[in-house]
Every structure is written in structure tokens, then in C-alpha cells.
Amino acid sequence: MIRKKIIVTVAKVIELVGVSTESFDDAIESALKTASKSIRNIHGLDVISMNCDIEDGKIVRYKVNLKAAFGYEE
């Protein structure tokens, strides 16, 4: 497979939400893994916010709001 060199002069930014029952890191990785299935050339993530769902005094879900930047291929 021949790979084209990516020159990022313009980037598109989309918002993602990752969710995990394990950790914030896992929520970020999950969002990146899922987005990477349909979007190529993701070159940066910006974590906008992190929050949790609490039940009976315990964290049951970790959630992250992200912005993902990716470049266009020439």
C-alpha cells in the first residue's frame, strides 16, 4: 500500500464524546478508536471537558467531550 504524504494546511475539527466505565483515559481511547474507523489522519485531540455519572456515591461512567482535528489528503 502506498501512503501519501500528509501536509496539513487546513484541518477539519469535529466534536466527539467518549464514555467508559473504567477511566477517563479509557473514554478518550474509546472515542479515538471509534472515530479512527471512519476518519483518517486524526492528528490531534483537545479534551474540552470531563465529567462523571455517580450512583450510590460511586462513579459509574466517565465521560469526555473532545475535539478531534484531522487533515486532508493531497
Foldseek 3Di string as FASTA:
>chain_A
DDDADFDAPDKDKDKWKFKDQPDQVVRVVRRVVVVCVPDPAFDDKDWPDWDFDDDPRDTRMIMTMIMIIGGDTD
